[in-house]
PDB file of N, CA and C in Angstrom:
ATOM      1  N   MET A   1     -27.068-159.807-166.322  1.00  0.00           N
ATOM      2  CA  MET A   1     -26.321-158.471-166.820  1.00  0.00           C
ATOM      3  C   MET A   1     -25.476-158.039-166.156  1.00  0.00           C
ATOM      4  N   SER A   2     -24.307-157.765-166.006  1.00  0.00           N
ATOM      5  CA  SER A   2     -23.607-157.144-164.934  1.00  0.00           C
ATOM      6  C   SER A   2     -23.584-155.905-164.347  1.00  0.00           C
ATOM      7  N   ASP A   3     -23.134-155.383-163.461  1.00  0.00           N
ATOM      8  CA  ASP A   3     -23.120-154.152-162.760  1.00  0.00           C
ATOM      9  C   ASP A   3     -21.691-152.806-163.578  1.00  0.00           C
ATOM     10  N   GLN A   4     -20.659-153.693-164.264  1.00  0.00           N
ATOM     11  CA  GLN A   4     -19.851-152.864-164.851  1.00  0.00           C
ATOM     12  C   GLN A   4     -20.246-152.429-166.125  1.00  0.00           C
ATOM     13  N   LEU A   5     -19.968-150.509-166.441  1.00  0.00           N
ATOM     14  CA  LEU A   5     -20.499-150.314-167.752  1.00  0.00           C
ATOM     15  C   LEU A   5     -19.315-149.865-168.498  1.00  0.00           C
ATOM     16  N   PRO A   6     -19.942-149.974-169.899  1.00  0.00           N
ATOM     17  CA  PRO A   6     -18.498-150.093-170.657  1.00  0.00           C
ATOM     18  C   PRO A   6     -17.205-149.075-171.264  1.00  0.00           C
ATOM     19  N   ASP A   7     -16.621-148.893-171.264  1.00  0.00           N
ATOM     20  CA  ASP A   7     -15.739-148.314-171.203  1.00  0.00           C
ATOM     21  C   ASP A   7     -16.102-146.980-172.029  1.00  0.00           C
ATOM     22  N   ARG A   8     -16.994-147.384-173.676  1.00  0.00           N
ATOM     23  CA  ARG A   8     -17.455-145.992-173.864  1.00  0.00           C
ATOM     24  C   ARG A   8     -18.666-146.785-174.560  1.00  0.00           C
ATOM     25  N   LEU A   9     -19.786-145.939-174.649  1.00  0.00           N
ATOM     26  CA  LEU A   9     -21.553-146.068-175.175  1.00  0.00           C
ATOM     27  C   LEU A   9     -22.186-144.972-175.621  1.00  0.00           C
ATOM     28  N   SER A  10     -22.816-145.274-176.505  1.00  0.00           N
ATOM     29  CA  SER A  10     -23.580-144.346-177.079  1.00  0.00           C
ATOM     30  C   SER A  10     -25.462-144.287-176.966  1.00  0.00           C
ATOM     31  N   THR A  11     -25.826-143.411-177.714  1.00  0.00           N
ATOM     32  CA  THR A  11     -27.309-143.152-177.166  1.00  0.00           C
ATOM     33  C   THR A  11     -28.169-143.614-178.626  1.00  0.00           C
ATOM     34  N   ASP A  12     -26.954-143.339-179.917  1.00  0.00           N
ATOM     35  CA  ASP A  12     -27.268-143.607-181.096  1.00  0.00           C
ATOM     36  C   ASP A  12     -27.945-144.511-181.324  1.00  0.00           C
ATOM     37  N   PRO A  13     -28.843-145.562-182.168  1.00  0.00           N
ATOM     38  CA  PRO A  13     -28.692-146.863-182.357  1.00  0.00           C
ATOM     39  C   PRO A  13     -27.863-147.232-183.787  1.00  0.00           C
ATOM     40  N   ARG A  14     -27.701-146.186-184.169  1.00  0.00           N
ATOM     41  CA  ARG A  14     -26.648-146.700-185.796  1.00  0.00           C
ATOM     42  C   ARG A  14     -25.085-146.260-184.994  1.00  0.00           C
ATOM     43  N   SER A  15     -25.137-146.184-184.103  1.00  0.00           N
ATOM     44  CA  SER A  15     -23.074-146.146-183.744  1.00  0.00           C
ATOM     45  C   SER A  15     -23.073-147.789-183.054  1.00  0.00           C
ATOM     46  N   PRO A  16     -21.823-148.154-183.387  1.00  0.00           N
ATOM     47  CA  PRO A  16     -21.355-149.621-182.800  1.00  0.00           C
ATOM     48  C   PRO A  16     -21.371-149.498-181.832  1.00  0.00           C
ATOM     49  N   TYR A  17     -21.578-148.134-180.602  1.00  0.00           N
ATOM     50  CA  TYR A  17     -21.087-148.606-179.356  1.00  0.00           C
ATOM     51  C   TYR A  17     -22.433-148.408-178.542  1.00  0.00           C
ATOM     52  N   TYR A  18     -23.177-148.224-179.154  1.00  0.00           N
ATOM     53  CA  TYR A  18     -24.339-148.312-179.015  1.00  0.00           C
ATOM     54  C   TYR A  18     -25.105-150.090-178.132  1.00  0.00           C
ATOM     55  N   ASN A  19     -25.529-149.779-176.664  1.00  0.00           N
ATOM     56  CA  ASN A  19     -26.068-151.302-176.206  1.00  0.00           C
ATOM     57  C   ASN A  19     -27.294-151.297-175.430  1.00  0.00           C
ATOM     58  N   ALA A  20     -28.560-151.474-176.316  1.00  0.00           N
ATOM     59  CA  ALA A  20     -30.193-151.412-175.499  1.00  0.00           C
ATOM     60  C   ALA A  20     -29.860-151.630-173.833  1.00  0.00           C
ATOM     61  N   ASP A  21     -29.192-153.364-174.215  1.00  0.00           N
ATOM     62  CA  ASP A  21     -29.864-153.885-172.500  1.00  0.00           C
ATOM     63  C   ASP A  21     -29.258-152.808-171.351  1.00  0.00           C
ATOM     64  N   VAL A  22     -27.571-151.771-171.546  1.00  0.00           N
ATOM     65  CA  VAL A  22     -27.183-150.885-171.002  1.00  0.00           C
ATOM     66  C   VAL A  22     -28.288-150.013-170.469  1.00  0.00           C
ATOM     67  N   LEU A  23     -28.565-149.869-171.495  1.00  0.00           N
ATOM     68  CA  LEU A  23     -29.061-148.306-172.076  1.00  0.00           C
ATOM     69  C   LEU A  23     -30.848-148.062-170.962  1.00  0.00           C
ATOM     70  N   SER A  24     -31.286-149.564-171.155  1.00  0.00           N
ATOM     71  CA  SER A  24     -32.729-149.459-170.365  1.00  0.00           C
ATOM     72  C   SER A  24     -32.126-149.441-168.575  1.00  0.00           C
ATOM     73  N   ARG A  25     -31.165-149.569-168.391  1.00  0.00           N
ATOM     74  CA  ARG A  25     -31.092-149.617-166.686  1.00  0.00           C
ATOM     75  C   ARG A  25     -31.044-148.130-166.635  1.00  0.00           C
ATOM     76  N   ASP A  26     -30.925-147.057-167.223  1.00  0.00           N
ATOM     77  CA  ASP A  26     -30.968-145.965-166.842  1.00  0.00           C
ATOM     78  C   ASP A  26     -29.338-145.295-166.461  1.00  0.00           C
ATOM     79  N   VAL A  27     -28.472-145.227-167.280  1.00  0.00           N
ATOM     80  CA  VAL A  27     -27.556-144.548-167.042  1.00  0.00           C
ATOM     81  C   VAL A  27     -27.059-143.115-166.763  1.00  0.00           C
ATOM     82  N   GLY A  28     -26.097-143.018-165.350  1.00  0.00           N
ATOM     83  CA  GLY A  28     -26.352-141.336-165.495  1.00  0.00           C
ATOM     84  C   GLY A  28     -24.755-141.322-165.763  1.00  0.00           C
ATOM     85  N   ILE A  29     -24.455-139.482-166.423  1.00  0.00           N
ATOM     86  CA  ILE A  29     -23.526-139.623-166.444  1.00  0.00           C
ATOM     87  C   ILE A  29     -22.540-138.224-165.242  1.00  0.00           C
ATOM     88  N   ARG A  30     -21.825-138.068-165.196  1.00  0.00           N
ATOM     89  CA  ARG A  30     -20.755-137.325-164.123  1.00  0.00           C
ATOM     90  C   ARG A  30     -19.903-136.791-164.828  1.00  0.00           C
ATOM     91  N   PHE A  31     -19.404-136.001-165.276  1.00  0.00           N
ATOM     92  CA  PHE A  31     -18.509-134.669-166.290  1.00  0.00           C
ATOM     93  C   PHE A  31     -18.327-133.911-165.195  1.00  0.00           C
ATOM     94  N   LYS A  32     -17.038-134.027-165.166  1.00  0.00           N
ATOM     95  CA  LYS A  32     -16.176-132.603-164.281  1.00  0.00           C
ATOM     96  C   LYS A  32     -16.763-132.659-162.789  1.00  0.00           C
ATOM     97  N   GLY A  33     -17.265-133.481-162.400  1.00  0.00           N
ATOM     98  CA  GLY A  33     -18.126-133.736-161.140  1.00  0.00           C
ATOM     99  C   GLY A  33     -19.403-133.109-160.872  1.00  0.00           C
ATOM    100  N   VAL A  34     -20.212-132.850-162.435  1.00  0.00           N
ATOM    101  CA  VAL A  34     -21.164-131.772-162.764  1.00  0.00           C
ATOM    102  C   VAL A  34     -21.814-133.391-163.284  1.00  0.00           C
ATOM    103  N   GLU A  35     -23.120-133.313-162.904  1.00  0.00           N
ATOM    104  CA  GLU A  35     -24.497-134.215-163.711  1.00  0.00           C
ATOM    105  C   GLU A  35     -24.527-133.992-164.738  1.00  0.00           C
ATOM    106  N   LYS A  36     -24.609-134.639-166.067  1.00  0.00           N
ATOM    107  CA  LYS A  36     -24.977-134.188-167.294  1.00  0.00           C
ATOM    108  C   LYS A  36     -26.376-135.057-167.698  1.00  0.00           C
ATOM    109  N   ASN A  37     -27.171-134.021-167.851  1.00  0.00           N
ATOM    110  CA  ASN A  37     -28.219-135.085-168.782  1.00  0.00           C
ATOM    111  C   ASN A  37     -28.602-135.415-170.278  1.00  0.00           C
ATOM    112  N   ASN A  38     -27.569-134.536-171.011  1.00  0.00           N
ATOM    113  CA  ASN A  38     -27.706-134.232-172.169  1.00  0.00           C
ATOM    114  C   ASN A  38     -26.613-134.585-173.057  1.00  0.00           C
ATOM    115  N   VAL A  39     -26.071-136.262-172.497  1.00  0.00           N
ATOM    116  CA  VAL A  39     -24.524-136.771-173.080  1.00  0.00           C
ATOM    117  C   VAL A  39     -25.368-137.788-174.281  1.00  0.00           C
ATOM    118  N   GLU A  40     -25.032-138.000-175.552  1.00  0.00           N
ATOM    119  CA  GLU A  40     -25.430-138.512-176.193  1.00  0.00           C
ATOM    120  C   GLU A  40     -24.317-139.861-176.672  1.00  0.00           C
ATOM    121  N   GLU A  41     -22.809-139.928-176.398  1.00  0.00           N
ATOM    122  CA  GLU A  41     -22.002-140.486-176.075  1.00  0.00           C
ATOM    123  C   GLU A  41     -20.602-139.889-175.117  1.00  0.00           C
ATOM    124  N   TYR A  42     -20.047-141.575-174.755  1.00  0.00           N
ATOM    125  CA  TYR A  42     -19.365-140.492-173.872  1.00  0.00           C
ATOM    126  C   TYR A  42     -17.657-142.001-173.688  1.00  0.00           C
ATOM    127  N   CYS A  43     -17.122-142.165-172.969  1.00  0.00           N
ATOM    128  CA  CYS A  43     -15.886-142.680-173.267  1.00  0.00           C
ATOM    129  C   CYS A  43     -14.588-142.141-172.619  1.00  0.00           C
ATOM    130  N   VAL A  44     -14.535-143.567-170.947  1.00  0.00           N
ATOM    131  CA  VAL A  44     -14.145-143.438-170.163  1.00  0.00           C
ATOM    132  C   VAL A  44     -12.642-142.824-170.051  1.00  0.00           C
ATOM    133  N   SER A  45     -12.148-144.377-170.850  1.00  0.00           N
ATOM    134  CA  SER A  45     -10.573-144.198-171.218  1.00  0.00           C
ATOM    135  C   SER A  45     -10.068-143.249-171.881  1.00  0.00           C
ATOM    136  N   GLU A  46     -10.753-142.478-172.980  1.00  0.00           N
ATOM    137  CA  GLU A  46     -10.431-141.198-173.488  1.00  0.00           C
ATOM    138  C   GLU A  46     -10.333-139.902-172.861  1.00  0.00           C
ATOM    139  N   GLY A  47     -11.977-139.467-171.751  1.00  0.00           N
ATOM    140  CA  GLY A  47     -12.213-138.762-171.054  1.00  0.00           C
ATOM    141  C   GLY A  47     -12.654-137.942-172.123  1.00  0.00           C
ATOM    142  N   TRP A  48     -13.680-138.558-172.530  1.00  0.00           N
ATOM    143  CA  TRP A  48     -14.628-137.025-173.443  1.00  0.00           C
ATOM    144  C   TRP A  48     -15.750-137.519-173.157  1.00  0.00           C
ATOM    145  N   VAL A  49     -16.949-136.895-172.956  1.00  0.00           N
ATOM    146  CA  VAL A  49     -18.560-136.556-173.740  1.00  0.00           C
ATOM    147  C   VAL A  49     -18.683-135.745-174.665  1.00  0.00           C
ATOM    148  N   ARG A  50     -19.496-136.111-175.777  1.00  0.00           N
ATOM    149  CA  ARG A  50     -20.380-135.615-176.595  1.00  0.00           C
ATOM    150  C   ARG A  50     -21.674-134.990-175.917  1.00  0.00           C
ATOM    151  N   VAL A  51     -22.183-133.954-176.438  1.00  0.00           N
ATOM    152  CA  VAL A  51     -23.261-133.540-175.599  1.00  0.00           C
ATOM    153  C   VAL A  51     -23.949-132.974-176.488  1.00  0.00           C
ATOM    154  N   THR A  52     -25.268-132.707-176.839  1.00  0.00           N
ATOM    155  CA  THR A  52     -26.049-131.781-177.713  1.00  0.00           C
ATOM    156  C   THR A  52     -25.969-130.490-177.340  1.00  0.00           C
ATOM    157  N   ALA A  53     -25.731-129.411-178.415  1.00  0.00           N
ATOM    158  CA  ALA A  53     -25.358-128.315-178.891  1.00  0.00           C
ATOM    159  C   ALA A  53     -26.268-127.845-178.905  1.00  0.00           C
ATOM    160  N   GLY A  54     -27.532-127.470-178.101  1.00  0.00           N
ATOM    161  CA  GLY A  54     -28.754-126.628-178.214  1.00  0.00           C
ATOM    162  C   GLY A  54     -30.044-127.592-179.096  1.00  0.00           C
ATOM    163  N   SER A  55     -30.621-126.936-179.578  1.00  0.00           N
ATOM    164  CA  SER A  55     -31.612-127.355-180.590  1.00  0.00           C
ATOM    165  C   SER A  55     -31.228-127.678-182.411  1.00  0.00           C
ATOM    166  N   SER A  56     -30.036-127.223-182.198  1.00  0.00           N
ATOM    167  CA  SER A  56     -29.016-127.277-183.889  1.00  0.00           C
ATOM    168  C   SER A  56     -29.174-128.796-184.549  1.00  0.00           C
ATOM    169  N   LYS A  57     -29.265-128.598-185.439  1.00  0.00           N
ATOM    170  CA  LYS A  57     -29.757-130.235-186.526  1.00  0.00           C
ATOM    171  C   LYS A  57     -28.494-129.708-187.462  1.00  0.00           C
ATOM    172  N   ASP A  58     -28.296-131.220-187.894  1.00  0.00           N
ATOM    173  CA  ASP A  58     -27.300-130.944-188.982  1.00  0.00           C
ATOM    174  C   ASP A  58     -28.305-131.048-189.981  1.00  0.00           C
ATOM    175  N   ARG A  59     -27.757-131.587-191.700  1.00  0.00           N
ATOM    176  CA  ARG A  59     -28.298-131.375-192.892  1.00  0.00           C
ATOM    177  C   ARG A  59     -29.131-132.932-193.212  1.00  0.00           C
ATOM    178  N   PHE A  60     -29.071-133.929-192.181  1.00  0.00           N
ATOM    179  CA  PHE A  60     -29.751-135.170-191.691  1.00  0.00           C
ATOM    180  C   PHE A  60     -30.859-134.876-190.585  1.00  0.00           C
ATOM    181  N   GLY A  61     -31.271-133.906-190.178  1.00  0.00           N
ATOM    182  CA  GLY A  61     -32.248-134.200-189.017  1.00  0.00           C
ATOM    183  C   GLY A  61     -31.222-134.380-187.585  1.00  0.00           C
ATOM    184  N   ASN A  62     -30.299-134.981-187.431  1.00  0.00           N
ATOM    185  CA  ASN A  62     -29.695-135.292-186.077  1.00  0.00           C
ATOM    186  C   ASN A  62     -29.157-134.024-185.236  1.00  0.00           C
ATOM    187  N   PRO A  63     -29.314-134.435-184.364  1.00  0.00           N
ATOM    188  CA  PRO A  63     -29.079-133.118-183.425  1.00  0.00           C
ATOM    189  C   PRO A  63     -27.427-132.911-183.493  1.00  0.00           C
ATOM    190  N   LEU A  64     -26.909-131.835-183.387  1.00  0.00           N
ATOM    191  CA  LEU A  64     -25.518-131.234-183.552  1.00  0.00           C
ATOM    192  C   LEU A  64     -25.048-131.088-181.893  1.00  0.00           C
ATOM    193  N   THR A  65     -23.151-132.013-182.286  1.00  0.00           N
ATOM    194  CA  THR A  65     -22.914-132.867-180.892  1.00  0.00           C
ATOM    195  C   THR A  65     -21.558-131.918-180.639  1.00  0.00           C
ATOM    196  N   ILE A  66     -21.253-131.694-179.184  1.00  0.00           N
ATOM    197  CA  ILE A  66     -19.879-130.844-178.873  1.00  0.00           C
ATOM    198  C   ILE A  66     -18.841-131.947-178.024  1.00  0.00           C
ATOM    199  N   LYS A  67     -18.101-132.415-178.496  1.00  0.00           N
ATOM    200  CA  LYS A  67     -17.089-132.761-177.487  1.00  0.00           C
ATOM    201  C   LYS A  67     -16.366-132.086-176.939  1.00  0.00           C
ATOM    202  N   LEU A  68     -16.620-132.708-175.276  1.00  0.00           N
ATOM    203  CA  LEU A  68     -15.900-132.313-174.128  1.00  0.00           C
ATOM    204  C   LEU A  68     -14.703-132.833-173.605  1.00  0.00           C
ATOM    205  N   THR A  69     -13.800-132.480-173.341  1.00  0.00           N
ATOM    206  CA  THR A  69     -12.821-133.075-172.492  1.00  0.00           C
ATOM    207  C   THR A  69     -12.903-132.782-171.289  1.00  0.00           C
ATOM    208  N   GLY A  70     -12.246-134.554-170.194  1.00  0.00           N
ATOM    209  CA  GLY A  70     -12.265-134.031-169.060  1.00  0.00           C
ATOM    210  C   GLY A  70     -12.543-135.521-168.637  1.00  0.00           C
ATOM    211  N   ALA A  71     -12.605-135.305-166.866  1.00  0.00           N
ATOM    212  CA  ALA A  71     -13.164-136.890-166.073  1.00  0.00           C
ATOM    213  C   ALA A  71     -14.495-137.024-166.055  1.00  0.00           C
ATOM    214  N   VAL A  72     -14.872-138.499-166.838  1.00  0.00           N
ATOM    215  CA  VAL A  72     -15.932-139.175-166.930  1.00  0.00           C
ATOM    216  C   VAL A  72     -15.903-140.103-166.058  1.00  0.00           C
ATOM    217  N   GLU A  73     -17.456-140.368-165.198  1.00  0.00           N
ATOM    218  CA  GLU A  73     -18.052-141.329-164.396  1.00  0.00           C
ATOM    219  C   GLU A  73     -19.009-141.171-164.569  1.00  0.00           C
ATOM    220  N   PRO A  74     -19.296-142.629-165.483  1.00  0.00           N
ATOM    221  CA  PRO A  74     -20.855-143.263-165.605  1.00  0.00           C
ATOM    222  C   PRO A  74     -21.309-144.033-164.568  1.00  0.00           C
ATOM    223  N   TYR A  75     -22.357-144.262-163.785  1.00  0.00           N
ATOM    224  CA  TYR A  75     -22.638-145.022-163.072  1.00  0.00           C
ATOM    225  C   TYR A  75     -24.219-145.073-163.565  1.00  0.00           C
ATOM    226  N   PHE A  76     -24.940-146.112-162.535  1.00  0.00           N
ATOM    227  CA  PHE A  76     -26.696-146.676-163.048  1.00  0.00           C
ATOM    228  C   PHE A  76     -27.292-145.781-161.836  1.00  0.00           C
ATOM    229  N   ARG A  77     -28.392-144.842-162.282  1.00  0.00           N
ATOM    230  CA  ARG A  77     -29.108-144.174-161.561  1.00  0.00           C
ATOM    231  C   ARG A  77     -29.491-144.951-160.525  1.00  0.00           C
ATOM    232  N   ASP A  78     -30.372-146.447-161.036  1.00  0.00           N
ATOM    233  CA  ASP A  78     -30.972-146.690-160.018  1.00  0.00           C
ATOM    234  C   ASP A  78     -30.056-147.840-158.847  1.00  0.00           C
ATOM    235  N   GLU A  79     -28.954-147.405-158.682  1.00  0.00           N
ATOM    236  CA  GLU A  79     -28.281-148.004-157.547  1.00  0.00           C
ATOM    237  C   GLU A  79     -27.602-146.433-156.940  1.00  0.00           C
ATOM    238  N   LYS A  80     -28.331-146.338-155.426  1.00  0.00           N
ATOM    239  CA  LYS A  80     -27.906-145.391-154.668  1.00  0.00           C
ATOM    240  C   LYS A  80     -26.660-145.658-154.096  1.00  0.00           C
TER     241      LYS A  80
END
């Protein structure tokens, strides 16, 4: 597996952007220079992340997310 992260990645297994191999390496996200731990999906080229909105759920039981725009920097946490 390469050390290159994809442009877009999701933690939801139903998403076409889900990649279990990449997620198994513990991906970290810096959004506007701040470490985020609640990111559900990101896109580097479009400059956005989706984060969970508290403990709210939609009618299917999935967490509600908010789309935030700004500079996105994904990295592998196992590399220092």
